[in-house]
Amino acid sequence: YCTYNVPRLLQTKSPELIKKEIQYLKKEYQINSLLLKDEVAISPNKKISYEMLTAIGSENIVWRGQTISIASYEQLKLAKDSGCLELAVGVETVDNNVMKLIDKAWQNENIIKDFIENCKKLNLKVKICLILGLPGEPKNIVEKTIKFLEETKPEFVSVSGFLPVPGSPIAKNPNKYGISRID
């Protein structure tokens, strides 16, 4: 899935540095929009989220970003007010048991549905990112995924095949997850 510079640590920039970088890009390259490729464009930490989004909003740009499904309505509203047009969210799977296996026990189908519903209330477009072929998937995962997509109607869907990241728990111990190595 997404990679981090330092696993399990969400690195952030100060509001001052965010403003300076945007000002530089506007001056040197005449940009008026950004794609925030950070895994979490809206920090789970509400204080950090407020500071970052306020800094972005002060620079009069529009942006898209990647985040996780636990952003609150208030955080999403602040993102919208700061110029956000679209959020991509790493749903990965619509099966709650598989979420636990892939270390996303904090996320479930209801949380994802609430996130999408809140985005739609704010007129934020949603792109959900899915991975098919994850360990523990039920045989009906395709049907389950299609039903979920029909219910939530995200604007965009990205589907990837599962590939264990070197060094991840699944890559280190594939047998534990029922995966055969293919060389």
C-alpha atoms as a PDB file:
ATOM      1  CA  TYR A   1       0.000   0.000   0.000  1.00  0.00           C
ATOM      2  CA  CYS A   2       1.131   3.556   0.528  1.00  0.00           C
ATOM      3  CA  THR A   3       4.686   3.965   1.697  1.00  0.00           C
ATOM      4  CA  TYR A   4       5.999   6.275   4.353  1.00  0.00           C
ATOM      5  CA  ASN A   5       9.445   7.801   4.786  1.00  0.00           C
ATOM      6  CA  VAL A   6       9.374   6.664   8.400  1.00  0.00           C
ATOM      7  CA  PRO A   7       6.866   3.833   8.996  1.00  0.00           C
ATOM      8  CA  ARG A   8       4.268   4.512  11.694  1.00  0.00           C
ATOM      9  CA  LEU A   9       5.253   8.189  11.877  1.00  0.00           C
ATOM     10  CA  LEU A  10       3.223  10.845  10.128  1.00  0.00           C
ATOM     11  CA  GLN A  11       5.614  13.586   9.144  1.00  0.00           C
ATOM     12  CA  THR A  12       4.208  17.100   8.816  1.00  0.00           C
ATOM     13  CA  LYS A  13       5.469  20.551   7.878  1.00  0.00           C
ATOM     14  CA  SER A  14       4.926  23.742   9.803  1.00  0.00           C
ATOM     15  CA  PRO A  15       2.210  26.111   8.575  1.00  0.00           C
ATOM     16  CA  GLU A  16       4.929  28.681   7.805  1.00  0.00           C
ATOM     17  CA  LEU A  17       6.842  26.231   5.606  1.00  0.00           C
ATOM     18  CA  ILE A  18       3.622  25.189   3.835  1.00  0.00           C
ATOM     19  CA  LYS A  19       2.870  28.836   3.017  1.00  0.00           C
ATOM     20  CA  LYS A  20       6.438  29.506   1.843  1.00  0.00           C
ATOM     21  CA  GLU A  21       6.451  26.458  -0.446  1.00  0.00           C
ATOM     22  CA  ILE A  22       3.119  27.398  -2.016  1.00  0.00           C
ATOM     23  CA  GLN A  23       4.249  31.004  -2.472  1.00  0.00           C
ATOM     24  CA  TYR A  24       7.449  29.792  -4.133  1.00  0.00           C
ATOM     25  CA  LEU A  25       5.533  27.508  -6.521  1.00  0.00           C
ATOM     26  CA  LYS A  26       3.100  30.291  -7.383  1.00  0.00           C
ATOM     27  CA  LYS A  27       5.899  32.781  -8.037  1.00  0.00           C
ATOM     28  CA  GLU A  28       8.352  30.520  -9.887  1.00  0.00           C
ATOM     29  CA  TYR A  29       5.912  28.277 -11.777  1.00  0.00           C
ATOM     30  CA  GLN A  30       2.652  30.245 -11.769  1.00  0.00           C
ATOM     31  CA  ILE A  31       0.738  27.312 -10.268  1.00  0.00           C
ATOM     32  CA  ASN A  32      -2.802  27.773  -9.025  1.00  0.00           C
ATOM     33  CA  SER A  33      -3.481  24.201  -7.948  1.00  0.00           C
ATOM     34  CA  LEU A  34      -1.712  21.349  -6.148  1.00  0.00           C
ATOM     35  CA  LEU A  35      -1.961  17.606  -5.725  1.00  0.00           C
ATOM     36  CA  LEU A  36      -0.988  16.682  -2.169  1.00  0.00           C
ATOM     37  CA  LYS A  37       0.512  13.221  -2.589  1.00  0.00           C
ATOM     38  CA  ASP A  38       0.994  12.725   1.095  1.00  0.00           C
ATOM     39  CA  GLU A  39      -0.764   9.647   2.359  1.00  0.00           C
ATOM     40  CA  VAL A  40      -2.686  11.848   4.763  1.00  0.00           C
ATOM     41  CA  ALA A  41      -3.520  15.277   3.335  1.00  0.00           C
ATOM     42  CA  ILE A  42      -5.906  15.690   6.274  1.00  0.00           C
ATOM     43  CA  SER A  43      -4.047  14.731   9.430  1.00  0.00           C
ATOM     44  CA  PRO A  44      -5.887  12.540  11.957  1.00  0.00           C
ATOM     45  CA  ASN A  45      -4.579  15.007  14.558  1.00  0.00           C
ATOM     46  CA  LYS A  46      -7.217  17.755  14.518  1.00  0.00           C
ATOM     47  CA  LYS A  47      -4.827  20.474  15.722  1.00  0.00           C
ATOM     48  CA  ILE A  48      -2.266  19.675  13.007  1.00  0.00           C
ATOM     49  CA  SER A  49      -5.048  19.312  10.448  1.00  0.00           C
ATOM     50  CA  TYR A  50      -6.443  22.749  11.341  1.00  0.00           C
ATOM     51  CA  GLU A  51      -3.013  24.403  11.109  1.00  0.00           C
ATOM     52  CA  MET A  52      -2.125  22.747   7.771  1.00  0.00           C
ATOM     53  CA  LEU A  53      -5.481  23.396   6.112  1.00  0.00           C
ATOM     54  CA  THR A  54      -5.589  26.988   7.348  1.00  0.00           C
ATOM     55  CA  ALA A  55      -2.110  27.561   5.896  1.00  0.00           C
ATOM     56  CA  ILE A  56      -3.117  26.059   2.545  1.00  0.00           C
ATOM     57  CA  GLY A  57      -6.357  28.045   2.531  1.00  0.00           C
ATOM     58  CA  SER A  58      -4.514  31.314   3.104  1.00  0.00           C
ATOM     59  CA  GLU A  59      -2.670  30.912  -0.237  1.00  0.00           C
ATOM     60  CA  ASN A  60      -5.731  31.012  -2.508  1.00  0.00           C
ATOM     61  CA  ILE A  61      -5.208  27.786  -4.485  1.00  0.00           C
ATOM     62  CA  VAL A  62      -7.290  24.720  -5.235  1.00  0.00           C
ATOM     63  CA  TRP A  63      -6.016  21.273  -4.411  1.00  0.00           C
ATOM     64  CA  ARG A  64      -6.598  17.534  -4.432  1.00  0.00           C
ATOM     65  CA  GLY A  65      -5.136  15.124  -1.939  1.00  0.00           C
ATOM     66  CA  GLN A  66      -4.896  11.653  -0.457  1.00  0.00           C
ATOM     67  CA  THR A  67      -6.242  10.932   3.008  1.00  0.00           C
ATOM     68  CA  ILE A  68      -7.754   8.267   5.228  1.00  0.00           C
ATOM     69  CA  SER A  69     -11.414   7.642   5.935  1.00  0.00           C
ATOM     70  CA  ILE A  70     -11.433   8.878   9.526  1.00  0.00           C
ATOM     71  CA  ALA A  71     -11.467  12.601   8.663  1.00  0.00           C
ATOM     72  CA  SER A  72     -14.383  14.204  10.506  1.00  0.00           C
ATOM     73  CA  TYR A  73     -17.061  16.325   8.841  1.00  0.00           C
ATOM     74  CA  GLU A  74     -15.451  19.416  10.398  1.00  0.00           C
ATOM     75  CA  GLN A  75     -12.037  18.493   8.971  1.00  0.00           C
ATOM     76  CA  LEU A  76     -13.574  17.845   5.561  1.00  0.00           C
ATOM     77  CA  LYS A  77     -15.381  21.202   5.715  1.00  0.00           C
ATOM     78  CA  LEU A  78     -12.120  22.956   6.543  1.00  0.00           C
ATOM     79  CA  ALA A  79     -10.456  21.126   3.636  1.00  0.00           C
ATOM     80  CA  LYS A  80     -13.237  22.264   1.304  1.00  0.00           C
ATOM     81  CA  ASP A  81     -12.960  25.842   2.600  1.00  0.00           C
ATOM     82  CA  SER A  82      -9.178  25.723   2.040  1.00  0.00           C
ATOM     83  CA  GLY A  83      -9.658  24.946  -1.652  1.00  0.00           C
ATOM     84  CA  CYS A  84      -9.928  21.147  -1.703  1.00  0.00           C
ATOM     85  CA  LEU A  85     -11.811  19.756  -4.718  1.00  0.00           C
ATOM     86  CA  GLU A  86     -11.195  16.010  -4.444  1.00  0.00           C
ATOM     87  CA  LEU A  87      -9.908  13.442  -1.963  1.00  0.00           C
ATOM     88  CA  ALA A  88      -8.516  10.006  -2.716  1.00  0.00           C
ATOM     89  CA  VAL A  89      -8.929   7.561   0.137  1.00  0.00           C
ATOM     90  CA  GLY A  90      -7.124   4.252   0.625  1.00  0.00           C
ATOM     91  CA  VAL A  91     -10.121   2.019   1.259  1.00  0.00           C
ATOM     92  CA  GLU A  92      -8.136  -1.041   0.033  1.00  0.00           C
ATOM     93  CA  THR A  93     -11.047  -3.469   0.719  1.00  0.00           C
ATOM     94  CA  VAL A  94     -14.729  -3.451   1.643  1.00  0.00           C
ATOM     95  CA  ASP A  95     -14.390  -6.544   3.825  1.00  0.00           C
ATOM     96  CA  ASN A  96     -14.062  -5.730   7.538  1.00  0.00           C
ATOM     97  CA  ASN A  97     -12.187  -8.969   8.318  1.00  0.00           C
ATOM     98  CA  VAL A  98      -9.608  -8.298   5.602  1.00  0.00           C
ATOM     99  CA  MET A  99      -9.147  -4.762   6.972  1.00  0.00           C
ATOM    100  CA  LYS A 100      -8.069  -6.286  10.270  1.00  0.00           C
ATOM    101  CA  LEU A 101      -5.594  -8.581   8.477  1.00  0.00           C
ATOM    102  CA  ILE A 102      -3.990  -5.690   6.592  1.00  0.00           C
ATOM    103  CA  ASP A 103      -3.601  -3.556   9.728  1.00  0.00           C
ATOM    104  CA  LYS A 104      -6.544  -1.242   9.061  1.00  0.00           C
ATOM    105  CA  ALA A 105      -8.720  -2.339  11.991  1.00  0.00           C
ATOM    106  CA  TRP A 106      -9.477   1.347  12.689  1.00  0.00           C
ATOM    107  CA  GLN A 107     -11.462   1.431   9.422  1.00  0.00           C
ATOM    108  CA  ASN A 108     -14.655  -0.399   8.555  1.00  0.00           C
ATOM    109  CA  GLU A 109     -17.396  -0.258   5.954  1.00  0.00           C
ATOM    110  CA  ASN A 110     -19.541   2.156   7.998  1.00  0.00           C
ATOM    111  CA  ILE A 111     -16.656   4.581   8.591  1.00  0.00           C
ATOM    112  CA  ILE A 112     -15.905   4.585   4.850  1.00  0.00           C
ATOM    113  CA  LYS A 113     -19.572   5.151   3.977  1.00  0.00           C
ATOM    114  CA  ASP A 114     -19.785   8.054   6.447  1.00  0.00           C
ATOM    115  CA  PHE A 115     -16.621   9.582   4.982  1.00  0.00           C
ATOM    116  CA  ILE A 116     -17.989   9.400   1.427  1.00  0.00           C
ATOM    117  CA  GLU A 117     -21.382  10.750   2.513  1.00  0.00           C
ATOM    118  CA  ASN A 118     -19.737  13.698   4.295  1.00  0.00           C
ATOM    119  CA  CYS A 119     -17.615  14.456   1.223  1.00  0.00           C
ATOM    120  CA  LYS A 120     -20.720  14.439  -0.957  1.00  0.00           C
ATOM    121  CA  LYS A 121     -22.517  16.822   1.446  1.00  0.00           C
ATOM    122  CA  LEU A 122     -19.604  19.230   0.965  1.00  0.00           C
ATOM    123  CA  ASN A 123     -19.403  18.711  -2.794  1.00  0.00           C
ATOM    124  CA  LEU A 124     -15.954  17.128  -2.498  1.00  0.00           C
ATOM    125  CA  LYS A 125     -15.267  14.510  -5.161  1.00  0.00           C
ATOM    126  CA  VAL A 126     -14.149  11.134  -3.866  1.00  0.00           C
ATOM    127  CA  LYS A 127     -11.717   8.663  -5.388  1.00  0.00           C
ATOM    128  CA  ILE A 128     -11.487   5.366  -3.577  1.00  0.00           C
ATOM    129  CA  CYS A 129      -8.453   3.155  -3.984  1.00  0.00           C
ATOM    130  CA  LEU A 130      -9.023  -0.594  -3.824  1.00  0.00           C
ATOM    131  CA  ILE A 131      -6.714  -3.594  -3.850  1.00  0.00           C
ATOM    132  CA  LEU A 132      -7.989  -6.942  -5.078  1.00  0.00           C
ATOM    133  CA  GLY A 133      -6.226 -10.165  -4.134  1.00  0.00           C
ATOM    134  CA  LEU A 134      -5.611  -9.308  -0.477  1.00  0.00           C
ATOM    135  CA  PRO A 135      -5.126 -12.177   1.972  1.00  0.00           C
ATOM    136  CA  GLY A 136      -8.334 -13.412   3.588  1.00  0.00           C
ATOM    137  CA  GLU A 137     -10.693 -12.108   0.917  1.00  0.00           C
ATOM    138  CA  PRO A 138     -13.978 -13.993   0.737  1.00  0.00           C
ATOM    139  CA  LYS A 139     -14.906 -15.686  -2.536  1.00  0.00           C
ATOM    140  CA  ASN A 140     -17.619 -13.059  -3.121  1.00  0.00           C
ATOM    141  CA  ILE A 141     -15.279 -10.048  -2.786  1.00  0.00           C
ATOM    142  CA  VAL A 142     -15.983  -8.827  -6.332  1.00  0.00           C
ATOM    143  CA  GLU A 143     -19.762  -8.896  -5.817  1.00  0.00           C
ATOM    144  CA  LYS A 144     -19.362  -7.295  -2.378  1.00  0.00           C
ATOM    145  CA  THR A 145     -17.165  -4.546  -3.859  1.00  0.00           C
ATOM    146  CA  ILE A 146     -19.581  -3.851  -6.714  1.00  0.00           C
ATOM    147  CA  LYS A 147     -22.487  -3.591  -4.238  1.00  0.00           C
ATOM    148  CA  PHE A 148     -20.456  -1.156  -2.112  1.00  0.00           C
ATOM    149  CA  LEU A 149     -19.621   0.991  -5.160  1.00  0.00           C
ATOM    150  CA  GLU A 150     -23.261   1.038  -6.268  1.00  0.00           C
ATOM    151  CA  GLU A 151     -24.344   2.141  -2.773  1.00  0.00           C
ATOM    152  CA  THR A 152     -21.705   4.845  -2.240  1.00  0.00           C
ATOM    153  CA  LYS A 153     -21.244   6.114  -5.813  1.00  0.00           C
ATOM    154  CA  PRO A 154     -17.728   7.567  -5.572  1.00  0.00           C
ATOM    155  CA  GLU A 155     -16.756   9.731  -8.530  1.00  0.00           C
ATOM    156  CA  PHE A 156     -13.591   7.730  -9.222  1.00  0.00           C
ATOM    157  CA  VAL A 157     -12.307   4.245  -8.390  1.00  0.00           C
ATOM    158  CA  SER A 158      -8.737   2.993  -8.661  1.00  0.00           C
ATOM    159  CA  VAL A 159      -8.287  -0.783  -8.534  1.00  0.00           C
ATOM    160  CA  SER A 160      -4.877  -2.382  -8.071  1.00  0.00           C
ATOM    161  CA  GLY A 161      -3.745  -5.957  -7.705  1.00  0.00           C
ATOM    162  CA  PHE A 162      -2.160  -7.001  -4.414  1.00  0.00           C
ATOM    163  CA  LEU A 163       1.630  -6.943  -4.282  1.00  0.00           C
ATOM    164  CA  PRO A 164       3.317  -7.270  -0.879  1.00  0.00           C
ATOM    165  CA  VAL A 165       5.732  -4.432  -0.227  1.00  0.00           C
ATOM    166  CA  PRO A 166       9.226  -5.754   0.605  1.00  0.00           C
ATOM    167  CA  GLY A 167       9.731  -5.594   4.355  1.00  0.00           C
ATOM    168  CA  SER A 168       6.000  -5.573   5.159  1.00  0.00           C
ATOM    169  CA  PRO A 169       4.650  -8.208   7.572  1.00  0.00           C
ATOM    170  CA  ILE A 170       2.970 -10.013   4.650  1.00  0.00           C
ATOM    171  CA  ALA A 171       6.168 -10.107   2.562  1.00  0.00           C
ATOM    172  CA  LYS A 172       8.214 -11.286   5.549  1.00  0.00           C
ATOM    173  CA  ASN A 173       5.822 -14.090   6.461  1.00  0.00           C
ATOM    174  CA  PRO A 174       3.607 -14.941   3.460  1.00  0.00           C
ATOM    175  CA  ASN A 175       2.627 -18.393   4.796  1.00  0.00           C
ATOM    176  CA  LYS A 176       0.972 -16.785   7.821  1.00  0.00           C
ATOM    177  CA  TYR A 177      -1.365 -14.992   5.406  1.00  0.00           C
ATOM    178  CA  GLY A 178      -1.954 -17.978   3.114  1.00  0.00           C
ATOM    179  CA  ILE A 179       0.190 -16.608   0.303  1.00  0.00           C
ATOM    180  CA  SER A 180       2.488 -18.715  -1.863  1.00  0.00           C
ATOM    181  CA  ARG A 181       5.593 -17.028  -3.159  1.00  0.00           C
ATOM    182  CA  ILE A 182       5.822 -16.796  -6.919  1.00  0.00           C
ATOM    183  CA  ASP A 183       9.295 -16.142  -8.243  1.00  0.00           C
END
